């Protein structure tokens, strides 16, 4: 929407994701202002040993350039001093070690780093994972701090001893900007070290890992702002010098709110670099074995599952198979292929597995290849294989007694492919509604910031369009058999 038609106040929203950092401005109704949008690509460093990390300084510089770009664009489009707050959402979880001066001792480790698989297994053998899962909402797996910290303690003992503080990128960002560190309940819950009911650091788990509470940032809720940029930043971003900044929230929480999924009847299905399916609930008494439970804030919890696979699988297949057709032409060609008509079974674990099996160190597999299989069929099979993982997550959500009636699709990788959206609708057997705002995470963070500023926003207002994709019953039946075939392969390979 144009700035002339927008309603005051405005919120600048930073979305720090896996593949890029983006900055947008939203109005009082949660509508994105056209003409204001900055984007900086990110390069996650990956290697064959399971590394998935980002340089902390490079990530901060990308955020700074996005702020520069968005503010420069705002000069001609917004009234002076129109930005009333800054919202932040980050990929979660992340981990970086800091020295006493707040200087990073390590890169920013992402959830996709699986080098700690051995340490995750050791923790599972030593501790009661089921009890910790219920307490924190997270498992003792490679995606979370417990395993990553144990790995650092084992493999880099000097760094572990030298680390004065342990941070997510969100609280490291606040340290760089304001000289203080805080972490929201939302992002803290993604670390796996937050007691989800007491909303405090889990002291028992910290003790097991050799951490002191003082090494972690102070806990605050998402509506507690911070103001007063450090002098070194006020000259660069004078218009934000005294504007309230709200603590970073997890990207999944932001995407759910931004999709208009603030209650149990609407499930948010987001596929960017990775994927997730989640619902919002007032509380979760029991967390199913394959799911997680994070916090949005003190009043709301997020139940669901995330996959390490999503757009990254499609991008890898396209690059490796050298499929370089025009995206629209390619999508039409994919749509023309029959469902599960290729004879392939794929386990899409290029970056390990999160929900529902949580085997972080497993790797991808493709079976059924023959000389007659085409590159296009392999690509479609990869897209279908990712969709099957969402069906398994949905089964566990429904076993918890929650049956969503609407599925809201978001995320750049999914929204860019009508073929993939139809595949997912057919796999789930449910209509898929397209999110009207493609930048759902940035929108969700902005809506929560507006709420903290006293501006009530109906997040469903302008959040979704009409039903985009209706499932085909015949395709649904065919995909149920394909899911069973994928599960049989999974059991043969990983549960022997």
Protein backbone atom coordinates (compact mmCIF):
# COMPACT_ATOMS: atom_id res chain seq x y z
CA UNK A 1 0.00 0.00 0.00
CA UNK A 2 1.13 3.58 -0.57
CA UNK A 3 2.28 5.83 2.24
CA UNK A 4 -0.48 8.33 1.37
CA UNK A 5 -3.15 5.78 2.27
CA UNK A 6 -1.36 4.46 5.34
CA UNK A 7 -2.45 4.91 8.93
CA UNK A 8 -0.09 6.21 11.59
CA UNK A 9 1.98 5.09 13.47
CA UNK A 10 4.60 3.27 11.45
CA UNK A 11 6.90 0.45 12.55
CA UNK A 12 10.22 -0.41 10.95
CA UNK A 13 10.52 -4.21 10.90
CA UNK A 14 13.81 -6.10 10.60
CA UNK A 15 13.60 -9.72 9.46
CA UNK A 16 16.93 -11.50 9.98
CA UNK A 17 16.56 -14.83 8.22
CA UNK A 18 18.69 -17.69 6.99
CA UNK A 19 19.22 -16.47 3.44
CA UNK A 20 18.88 -12.70 3.83
CA UNK A 21 18.23 -9.72 6.07
CA UNK A 22 15.24 -7.57 5.11
CA UNK A 23 13.80 -4.29 6.37
CA UNK A 24 10.26 -2.96 5.76
CA UNK A 25 7.86 -0.40 7.17
CA UNK A 26 4.30 -1.30 8.22
CA UNK A 27 1.41 0.98 9.10
CA UNK A 28 -1.03 0.84 12.04
CA UNK A 29 -3.13 -1.83 10.30
CA UNK A 30 -0.20 -4.12 9.61
CA UNK A 31 0.07 -3.17 5.94
CA UNK A 32 3.47 -2.96 4.28
CA UNK A 33 4.36 0.42 2.76
CA UNK A 34 5.28 0.09 -0.90
CA UNK A 35 8.55 1.64 -1.98
CA UNK A 36 10.30 0.86 1.31
CA UNK A 37 12.18 -2.40 1.35
CA UNK A 38 15.85 -3.22 1.74
CA UNK A 39 17.41 -6.65 1.36
CA UNK A 40 20.90 -7.98 1.99
CA UNK A 41 21.73 -11.58 1.03
CA UNK A 42 23.44 -13.83 3.55
CA UNK A 43 25.84 -16.68 3.02
CA UNK A 44 25.59 -19.46 5.58
CA UNK A 45 28.90 -21.31 5.60
CA UNK A 46 28.28 -25.03 5.28
CA UNK A 47 30.66 -27.96 5.04
CA UNK A 48 30.56 -31.71 4.76
CA UNK A 49 31.14 -32.16 8.50
CA UNK A 50 27.74 -30.56 9.25
CA UNK A 51 28.78 -26.96 9.84
CA UNK A 52 26.18 -24.23 9.25
CA UNK A 53 27.39 -20.89 10.56
CA UNK A 54 27.41 -17.17 9.82
CA UNK A 55 30.09 -14.61 10.65
CA UNK A 56 28.70 -12.36 13.40
CA UNK A 57 30.31 -9.18 12.05
CA UNK A 58 29.05 -9.87 8.54
CA UNK A 59 25.55 -10.45 9.84
CA UNK A 60 25.60 -7.20 11.84
CA UNK A 61 26.87 -5.30 8.81
CA UNK A 62 24.04 -6.75 6.71
CA UNK A 63 21.52 -5.50 9.29
CA UNK A 64 23.17 -2.07 9.26
CA UNK A 65 23.01 -1.82 5.47
CA UNK A 66 19.33 -2.78 5.53
CA UNK A 67 18.65 -0.02 8.04
CA UNK A 68 20.53 2.41 5.81
CA UNK A 69 18.49 1.40 2.78
CA UNK A 70 15.08 1.43 4.42
CA UNK A 71 15.65 4.77 6.12
CA UNK A 72 16.94 6.35 2.90
CA UNK A 73 13.79 5.22 1.10
CA UNK A 74 11.61 6.51 3.94
CA UNK A 75 12.85 10.09 3.63
CA UNK A 76 10.67 10.88 0.62
CA UNK A 77 7.73 8.65 1.54
CA UNK A 78 7.11 9.17 5.25
CA UNK A 79 6.56 12.29 7.36
CA UNK A 80 9.43 13.31 9.65
CA UNK A 81 9.70 11.22 12.83
CA UNK A 82 6.91 8.92 11.61
CA UNK A 83 8.60 5.69 12.77
CA UNK A 84 7.27 4.97 16.24
CA UNK A 85 9.07 1.69 16.90
CA UNK A 86 11.46 -0.92 15.57
CA UNK A 87 10.52 -4.60 15.49
CA UNK A 88 12.99 -7.44 15.07
CA UNK A 89 12.58 -11.10 14.21
CA UNK A 90 15.48 -13.51 13.83
CA UNK A 91 16.16 -17.04 12.69
CA UNK A 92 16.01 -19.21 15.76
CA UNK A 93 17.88 -20.58 17.49
CA UNK A 94 21.34 -19.11 17.03
CA UNK A 95 24.35 -19.28 19.33
CA UNK A 96 27.49 -17.16 19.61
CA UNK A 97 30.12 -17.04 22.38
CA UNK A 98 31.20 -13.58 23.59
CA UNK A 99 34.19 -12.46 25.63
CA UNK A 100 33.95 -10.02 28.54
CA UNK A 101 33.93 -7.08 26.13
CA UNK A 102 31.14 -8.57 24.04
CA UNK A 103 33.45 -9.51 21.17
CA UNK A 104 32.43 -12.74 19.40
CA UNK A 105 34.71 -15.71 20.02
CA UNK A 106 32.86 -17.92 17.55
CA UNK A 107 30.74 -17.57 14.44
CA UNK A 108 26.98 -17.55 14.86
CA UNK A 109 26.01 -21.22 14.91
CA UNK A 110 22.60 -21.88 13.35
CA UNK A 111 19.97 -24.53 14.04
CA UNK A 112 21.19 -26.42 10.95
CA UNK A 113 24.67 -27.09 12.36
CA UNK A 114 24.81 -30.82 13.06
CA UNK A 115 28.42 -31.21 14.25
CA UNK A 116 27.08 -31.73 17.77
CA UNK A 117 25.20 -34.96 16.91
CA UNK A 118 27.54 -37.05 19.08
CA UNK A 119 27.01 -34.69 22.00
CA UNK A 120 23.24 -34.72 21.55
CA UNK A 121 23.31 -38.52 21.76
CA UNK A 122 25.46 -38.38 24.91
CA UNK A 123 23.02 -35.96 26.56
CA UNK A 124 20.10 -38.20 25.66
CA UNK A 125 21.86 -41.13 27.28
CA UNK A 126 22.72 -39.20 30.43
CA UNK A 127 19.60 -37.10 31.03
CA UNK A 128 15.86 -37.70 31.02
CA UNK A 129 15.03 -36.24 27.63
CA UNK A 130 11.27 -36.76 27.99
CA UNK A 131 11.17 -34.79 31.21
CA UNK A 132 13.33 -31.99 29.75
CA UNK A 133 11.12 -31.93 26.65
CA UNK A 134 8.04 -31.28 28.77
CA UNK A 135 9.85 -28.69 30.88
CA UNK A 136 11.43 -26.70 28.06
CA UNK A 137 9.37 -27.69 25.03
CA UNK A 138 12.59 -28.76 23.27
CA UNK A 139 14.47 -32.02 22.82
CA UNK A 140 18.15 -32.71 23.41
CA UNK A 141 18.95 -32.55 19.69
CA UNK A 142 21.40 -30.81 17.40
CA UNK A 143 19.12 -27.82 16.75
CA UNK A 144 19.33 -26.55 20.32
CA UNK A 145 21.85 -24.99 22.65
CA UNK A 146 22.25 -28.01 24.94
CA UNK A 147 23.95 -30.12 22.28
CA UNK A 148 25.83 -27.21 20.72
CA UNK A 149 27.24 -26.09 24.07
CA UNK A 150 28.26 -29.65 24.94
CA UNK A 151 30.01 -29.90 21.57
CA UNK A 152 31.89 -26.64 22.14
CA UNK A 153 32.87 -27.73 25.64
CA UNK A 154 34.25 -31.00 24.24
CA UNK A 155 35.91 -29.79 21.04
CA UNK A 156 36.88 -26.20 21.89
CA UNK A 157 37.51 -26.19 25.64
CA UNK A 158 39.62 -23.02 25.54
CA UNK A 159 36.79 -21.08 23.86
CA UNK A 160 34.27 -22.55 26.29
CA UNK A 161 36.36 -21.39 29.27
CA UNK A 162 37.00 -17.97 27.75
CA UNK A 163 33.34 -17.29 26.96
CA UNK A 164 31.99 -14.77 29.43
CA UNK A 165 28.56 -14.75 27.79
CA UNK A 166 26.46 -16.89 25.49
CA UNK A 167 24.12 -15.04 23.15
CA UNK A 168 21.66 -15.39 20.34
CA UNK A 169 22.15 -13.02 17.45
CA UNK A 170 19.16 -11.01 18.69
CA UNK A 171 20.69 -10.10 22.04
CA UNK A 172 24.13 -9.65 20.44
CA UNK A 173 22.48 -7.10 18.11
CA UNK A 174 21.09 -5.20 21.10
CA UNK A 175 24.51 -5.27 22.73
CA UNK A 176 26.07 -3.71 19.64
CA UNK A 177 23.36 -1.07 19.36
CA UNK A 178 22.60 -0.23 22.97
CA UNK A 179 25.40 -1.66 25.09
CA UNK A 180 22.99 -3.99 26.90
CA UNK A 181 21.74 -7.51 26.29
CA UNK A 182 18.17 -8.75 26.64
CA UNK A 183 16.39 -11.78 25.25
CA UNK A 184 12.67 -12.26 24.76
CA UNK A 185 10.80 -15.24 26.15
CA UNK A 186 10.14 -16.11 22.51
CA UNK A 187 13.76 -16.40 21.38
CA UNK A 188 14.87 -17.85 24.74
CA UNK A 189 12.37 -20.68 24.34
CA UNK A 190 14.02 -21.61 21.03
CA UNK A 191 17.36 -22.21 22.79
CA UNK A 192 15.92 -25.15 24.74
CA UNK A 193 17.10 -23.68 28.05
CA UNK A 194 13.92 -21.84 29.10
CA UNK A 195 11.42 -23.33 31.52
CA UNK A 196 8.35 -22.73 29.36
CA UNK A 197 5.93 -22.58 32.30
CA UNK A 198 7.99 -20.56 34.79
CA UNK A 199 9.43 -18.30 32.03
CA UNK A 200 12.86 -18.43 33.63
CA UNK A 201 16.17 -20.02 32.69
CA UNK A 202 16.16 -23.72 33.54
CA UNK A 203 18.78 -23.81 36.29
CA UNK A 204 18.98 -27.60 36.40
CA UNK A 205 19.83 -27.80 32.72
CA UNK A 206 22.28 -24.91 32.95
CA UNK A 207 24.09 -26.72 35.73
CA UNK A 208 24.33 -29.90 33.64
CA UNK A 209 25.91 -27.88 30.83
CA UNK A 210 28.38 -25.97 33.01
CA UNK A 211 26.69 -22.58 32.54
CA UNK A 212 25.93 -19.83 35.02
CA UNK A 213 22.69 -17.80 34.73
CA UNK A 214 24.75 -14.60 34.57
CA UNK A 215 26.25 -15.74 31.28
CA UNK A 216 22.84 -15.49 29.61
CA UNK A 217 20.92 -12.35 28.75
CA UNK A 218 18.18 -10.94 30.96
CA UNK A 219 14.73 -12.27 30.11
CA UNK A 220 12.01 -9.84 29.02
CA UNK A 221 8.70 -10.16 27.24
CA UNK A 222 8.30 -9.04 23.65
CA UNK A 223 6.52 -5.79 24.65
CA UNK A 224 9.39 -4.31 26.73
CA UNK A 225 11.25 -1.72 24.62
CA UNK A 226 14.78 -0.39 24.82
CA UNK A 227 15.77 3.13 23.75
CA UNK A 228 18.87 5.23 23.29
CA UNK A 229 21.27 4.05 20.62
CA UNK A 230 24.94 4.22 21.51
CA UNK A 231 26.60 7.48 20.33
CA UNK A 232 28.51 5.66 17.58
CA UNK A 233 25.18 4.79 15.93
CA UNK A 234 23.14 7.95 16.46
CA UNK A 235 24.88 9.84 13.69
CA UNK A 236 24.21 7.05 11.22
CA UNK A 237 20.57 6.49 12.26
CA UNK A 238 19.58 9.76 13.88
CA UNK A 239 15.87 9.18 13.23
CA UNK A 240 16.03 6.02 15.35
CA UNK A 241 18.18 7.40 18.17
CA UNK A 242 15.37 7.48 20.73
CA UNK A 243 12.77 5.26 19.05
CA UNK A 244 11.65 2.22 21.08
CA UNK A 245 13.26 -1.03 19.88
CA UNK A 246 11.51 -4.23 20.85
CA UNK A 247 13.41 -7.43 21.62
CA UNK A 248 13.82 -9.93 18.82
CA UNK A 249 11.22 -12.67 18.57
CA UNK A 250 11.58 -16.04 16.89
CA UNK A 251 10.89 -16.14 13.18
CA UNK A 252 8.28 -18.87 13.61
CA UNK A 253 6.33 -16.85 16.16
CA UNK A 254 6.47 -13.81 13.92
CA UNK A 255 5.37 -15.77 10.85
CA UNK A 256 2.37 -17.22 12.69
CA UNK A 257 1.16 -13.80 13.79
CA UNK A 258 1.93 -12.28 10.40
CA UNK A 259 -0.13 -15.01 8.72
CA UNK A 260 -3.13 -14.24 10.90
CA UNK A 261 -2.76 -17.50 12.83
CA UNK A 262 -3.33 -16.31 16.38
CA UNK A 263 -5.51 -19.22 17.50
CA UNK A 264 -5.87 -23.00 17.18
CA UNK A 265 -8.21 -23.00 14.18
CA UNK A 266 -5.65 -21.54 11.77
CA UNK A 267 -2.32 -23.28 11.15
CA UNK A 268 0.63 -21.42 9.66
CA UNK A 269 2.61 -23.36 7.08
CA UNK A 270 5.78 -21.52 6.11
CA UNK A 271 8.40 -22.68 3.63
CA UNK A 272 11.44 -20.52 3.10
CA UNK A 273 14.92 -21.99 3.23
CA UNK A 274 13.47 -24.45 5.76
CA UNK A 275 9.87 -25.16 6.73
CA UNK A 276 7.47 -25.24 9.67
CA UNK A 277 3.87 -26.04 10.53
CA UNK A 278 2.54 -24.56 13.77
CA UNK A 279 -0.52 -23.42 15.70
CA UNK A 280 -0.99 -20.85 18.46
CA UNK A 281 -2.47 -21.92 21.80
CA UNK A 282 -2.96 -20.23 25.19
CA UNK A 283 -1.05 -23.07 26.83
CA UNK A 284 0.21 -26.57 26.08
CA UNK A 285 -0.04 -29.04 28.94
CA UNK A 286 1.74 -31.89 27.16
CA UNK A 287 4.13 -31.65 24.21
CA UNK A 288 3.86 -34.58 21.75
CA UNK A 289 7.10 -36.51 21.26
CA UNK A 290 7.98 -35.23 17.78
CA UNK A 291 6.91 -31.62 18.21
CA UNK A 292 8.23 -28.57 19.99
CA UNK A 293 6.54 -25.92 22.09
CA UNK A 294 7.93 -22.39 22.04
CA UNK A 295 6.62 -19.12 23.42
CA UNK A 296 5.25 -16.16 21.52
CA UNK A 297 4.95 -14.22 24.77
CA UNK A 298 3.80 -14.74 28.35
CA UNK A 299 0.22 -15.36 27.17
CA UNK A 300 0.66 -17.61 24.14
CA UNK A 301 2.52 -20.75 23.13
CA UNK A 302 3.42 -22.13 19.73
CA UNK A 303 3.00 -25.86 19.11
CA UNK A 304 4.34 -27.44 15.95
CA UNK A 305 7.27 -28.86 14.10
CA UNK A 306 10.03 -27.50 11.90
CA UNK A 307 11.92 -29.15 9.09
CA UNK A 308 15.53 -28.59 8.13
CA UNK A 309 14.37 -29.02 4.56
CA UNK A 310 12.42 -26.59 2.39
CA UNK A 311 13.56 -24.23 -0.31
CA UNK A 312 17.13 -25.38 0.34
CA UNK A 313 16.27 -28.80 -1.09
CA UNK A 314 14.72 -27.29 -4.21
CA UNK A 315 17.68 -24.93 -4.67
CA UNK A 316 20.19 -27.78 -4.27
CA UNK A 317 18.38 -29.98 -6.77
CA UNK A 318 18.07 -27.18 -9.30
CA UNK A 319 21.74 -26.27 -8.99
CA UNK A 320 23.03 -29.83 -8.99
CA UNK A 321 20.78 -31.03 -11.80
CA UNK A 322 21.42 -27.80 -13.72
CA UNK A 323 17.76 -26.95 -14.11
CA UNK A 324 17.92 -23.31 -15.17
CA UNK A 325 14.59 -22.75 -16.94
CA UNK A 326 12.55 -19.63 -16.40
CA UNK A 327 10.80 -20.06 -13.01
CA UNK A 328 7.28 -19.72 -14.45
CA UNK A 329 8.00 -22.15 -17.28
CA UNK A 330 9.56 -24.59 -14.83
CA UNK A 331 6.60 -24.39 -12.47
CA UNK A 332 4.13 -25.15 -15.26
CA UNK A 333 6.24 -28.13 -16.29
CA UNK A 334 6.27 -29.41 -12.71
CA UNK A 335 2.50 -28.99 -12.46
CA UNK A 336 2.03 -31.09 -15.59
CA UNK A 337 3.74 -34.12 -14.04
CA UNK A 338 1.49 -36.71 -12.35
CA UNK A 339 1.61 -36.98 -8.56
CA UNK A 340 4.18 -39.53 -7.36
CA UNK A 341 4.52 -40.66 -10.96
CA UNK A 342 8.29 -41.06 -11.01
CA UNK A 343 8.93 -44.18 -8.95
CA UNK A 344 11.25 -42.31 -6.58
CA UNK A 345 11.37 -42.25 -2.80
CA UNK A 346 13.36 -39.43 -1.24
CA UNK A 347 14.40 -38.73 2.32
CA UNK A 348 15.06 -34.98 2.00
CA UNK A 349 17.55 -34.64 4.85
CA UNK A 350 20.24 -32.58 3.14
CA UNK A 351 20.62 -30.60 6.39
CA UNK A 352 19.69 -33.36 8.84
CA UNK A 353 16.25 -34.00 10.28
CA UNK A 354 14.27 -32.01 12.78
CA UNK A 355 10.56 -32.79 13.23
CA UNK A 356 9.21 -35.33 13.59
CA UNK A 357 12.12 -37.79 14.02
CA UNK A 358 14.82 -35.37 15.21
CA UNK A 359 17.76 -37.34 13.84
CA UNK A 360 20.04 -34.40 13.29
CA UNK A 361 22.91 -36.32 11.73
CA UNK A 362 20.96 -38.35 9.17
CA UNK A 363 21.51 -37.61 5.52
CA UNK A 364 19.40 -37.52 2.38
CA UNK A 365 18.68 -40.57 0.24
CA UNK A 366 17.11 -41.10 -3.17
CA UNK A 367 15.92 -44.56 -4.21
CA UNK A 368 14.20 -45.79 -7.34
CA UNK A 369 16.46 -44.07 -9.85
CA UNK A 370 16.57 -45.51 -13.36
CA UNK A 371 17.83 -44.41 -16.74
CA UNK A 372 14.35 -43.21 -17.60
CA UNK A 373 14.02 -40.77 -14.71
CA UNK A 374 14.37 -37.12 -15.72
CA UNK A 375 15.83 -34.19 -13.81
CA UNK A 376 12.38 -32.61 -13.69
CA UNK A 377 10.92 -35.74 -12.10
CA UNK A 378 13.67 -35.75 -9.47
CA UNK A 379 12.89 -32.12 -8.67
CA UNK A 380 9.17 -32.82 -8.29
CA UNK A 381 9.92 -35.88 -6.16
CA UNK A 382 12.05 -33.66 -3.90
CA UNK A 383 9.22 -31.18 -3.49
CA UNK A 384 6.78 -33.98 -2.71
CA UNK A 385 9.20 -35.50 -0.18
CA UNK A 386 9.30 -32.23 1.77
CA UNK A 387 5.50 -32.05 1.72
CA UNK A 388 5.29 -35.52 3.27
CA UNK A 389 7.18 -34.29 6.32
CA UNK A 390 4.49 -31.66 6.92
CA UNK A 391 1.82 -34.37 6.76
CA UNK A 392 3.62 -36.27 9.52
CA UNK A 393 3.83 -33.13 11.66
CA UNK A 394 0.11 -32.49 11.13
CA UNK A 395 -0.68 -36.02 12.29
CA UNK A 396 1.08 -35.35 15.59
CA UNK A 397 -0.66 -31.99 16.05
CA UNK A 398 -4.00 -33.68 15.57
CA UNK A 399 -3.05 -36.46 17.97
CA UNK A 400 -2.61 -33.68 20.55
CA UNK A 401 -6.32 -32.93 20.14
CA UNK A 402 -6.06 -29.89 17.88
CA UNK A 403 -7.56 -29.91 14.39
CA UNK A 404 -6.90 -26.73 12.39
CA UNK A 405 -9.60 -25.86 9.86
CA UNK A 406 -7.52 -23.46 7.77
CA UNK A 407 -3.93 -23.64 6.55
CA UNK A 408 -2.24 -20.36 5.70
CA UNK A 409 0.70 -20.64 3.31
CA UNK A 410 3.64 -18.29 3.62
CA UNK A 411 7.34 -18.11 2.93
CA UNK A 412 9.18 -17.09 -0.21
CA UNK A 413 10.03 -20.57 -1.51
CA UNK A 414 6.43 -21.79 -1.25
CA UNK A 415 4.70 -18.68 -2.55
CA UNK A 416 7.00 -18.65 -5.57
CA UNK A 417 5.73 -22.05 -6.72
CA UNK A 418 2.02 -22.71 -7.40
CA UNK A 419 3.01 -26.28 -8.28
CA UNK A 420 4.44 -26.82 -4.79
CA UNK A 421 1.40 -25.26 -3.12
CA UNK A 422 -0.89 -27.66 -4.99
CA UNK A 423 1.35 -30.57 -4.01
CA UNK A 424 1.11 -29.61 -0.33
CA UNK A 425 -2.68 -29.12 -0.50
CA UNK A 426 -2.99 -32.59 -2.06
CA UNK A 427 -0.60 -34.17 0.47
CA UNK A 428 -2.40 -32.64 3.48
CA UNK A 429 -5.85 -33.14 1.99
CA UNK A 430 -6.75 -29.61 3.10
CA UNK A 431 -7.32 -26.32 1.27
CA UNK A 432 -4.32 -24.02 1.31
CA UNK A 433 -4.94 -20.30 1.70
CA UNK A 434 -2.31 -17.96 0.32
CA UNK A 435 -0.95 -15.31 2.68
CA UNK A 436 -1.77 -11.95 1.12
CA UNK A 437 1.42 -10.49 2.58
CA UNK A 438 4.48 -12.43 1.44
CA UNK A 439 6.67 -10.97 4.19
CA UNK A 440 4.79 -12.71 6.99
CA UNK A 441 7.62 -12.74 9.53
CA UNK A 442 8.30 -9.02 9.17
CA UNK A 443 4.57 -8.32 9.36
CA UNK A 444 4.15 -10.43 12.49
CA UNK A 445 7.00 -8.67 14.27
CA UNK A 446 5.50 -5.31 13.31
CA UNK A 447 2.04 -6.29 14.59
CA UNK A 448 3.47 -7.34 17.95
CA UNK A 449 5.41 -4.06 18.18
CA UNK A 450 2.27 -2.08 17.34
CA UNK A 451 0.42 -3.96 20.07
CA UNK A 452 3.18 -3.00 22.53
CA UNK A 453 2.77 0.61 21.44
CA UNK A 454 -0.92 0.44 22.29
CA UNK A 455 -2.18 0.02 18.72
CA UNK A 456 -4.54 -2.95 18.45
CA UNK A 457 -4.28 -4.77 15.13
CA UNK A 458 -6.45 -7.62 13.94
CA UNK A 459 -3.69 -9.73 12.46
CA UNK A 460 -6.21 -11.50 10.23
CA UNK A 461 -7.13 -8.17 8.63
CA UNK A 462 -5.51 -8.12 5.17
CA UNK A 463 -3.45 -11.17 6.17
CA UNK A 464 -4.92 -13.70 3.77
CA UNK A 465 -6.51 -13.88 0.39
CA UNK A 466 -9.01 -16.38 -0.94
CA UNK A 467 -8.53 -20.13 -0.87
CA UNK A 468 -5.70 -20.69 -3.27
CA UNK A 469 -5.43 -24.46 -3.70
CA UNK A 470 -8.08 -27.14 -3.16
CA UNK A 471 -6.91 -30.73 -2.67
CA UNK A 472 -7.62 -33.43 -5.23
CA UNK A 473 -9.01 -36.52 -3.40
CA UNK A 474 -7.38 -38.94 -5.85
CA UNK A 475 -4.00 -37.27 -5.44
CA UNK A 476 -4.44 -37.33 -1.65
CA UNK A 477 -4.94 -41.13 -1.72
CA UNK A 478 -1.93 -41.57 -3.95
CA UNK A 479 0.22 -39.45 -1.65
CA UNK A 480 -0.84 -41.41 1.44
CA UNK A 481 0.75 -44.47 -0.13
CA UNK A 482 3.86 -42.45 -0.98
CA UNK A 483 4.14 -41.25 2.62
CA UNK A 484 3.98 -44.85 3.82
CA UNK A 485 6.72 -45.74 1.34
CA UNK A 486 8.90 -42.87 2.59
CA UNK A 487 8.36 -43.95 6.19
CA UNK A 488 9.30 -47.53 5.35
CA UNK A 489 12.57 -46.31 3.81
CA UNK A 490 13.18 -44.13 6.88
CA UNK A 491 12.78 -47.11 9.19
CA UNK A 492 15.08 -49.30 7.08
CA UNK A 493 17.82 -46.70 7.04
CA UNK A 494 17.67 -45.12 10.48
CA UNK A 495 15.80 -47.43 12.85
CA UNK A 496 17.51 -50.74 12.25
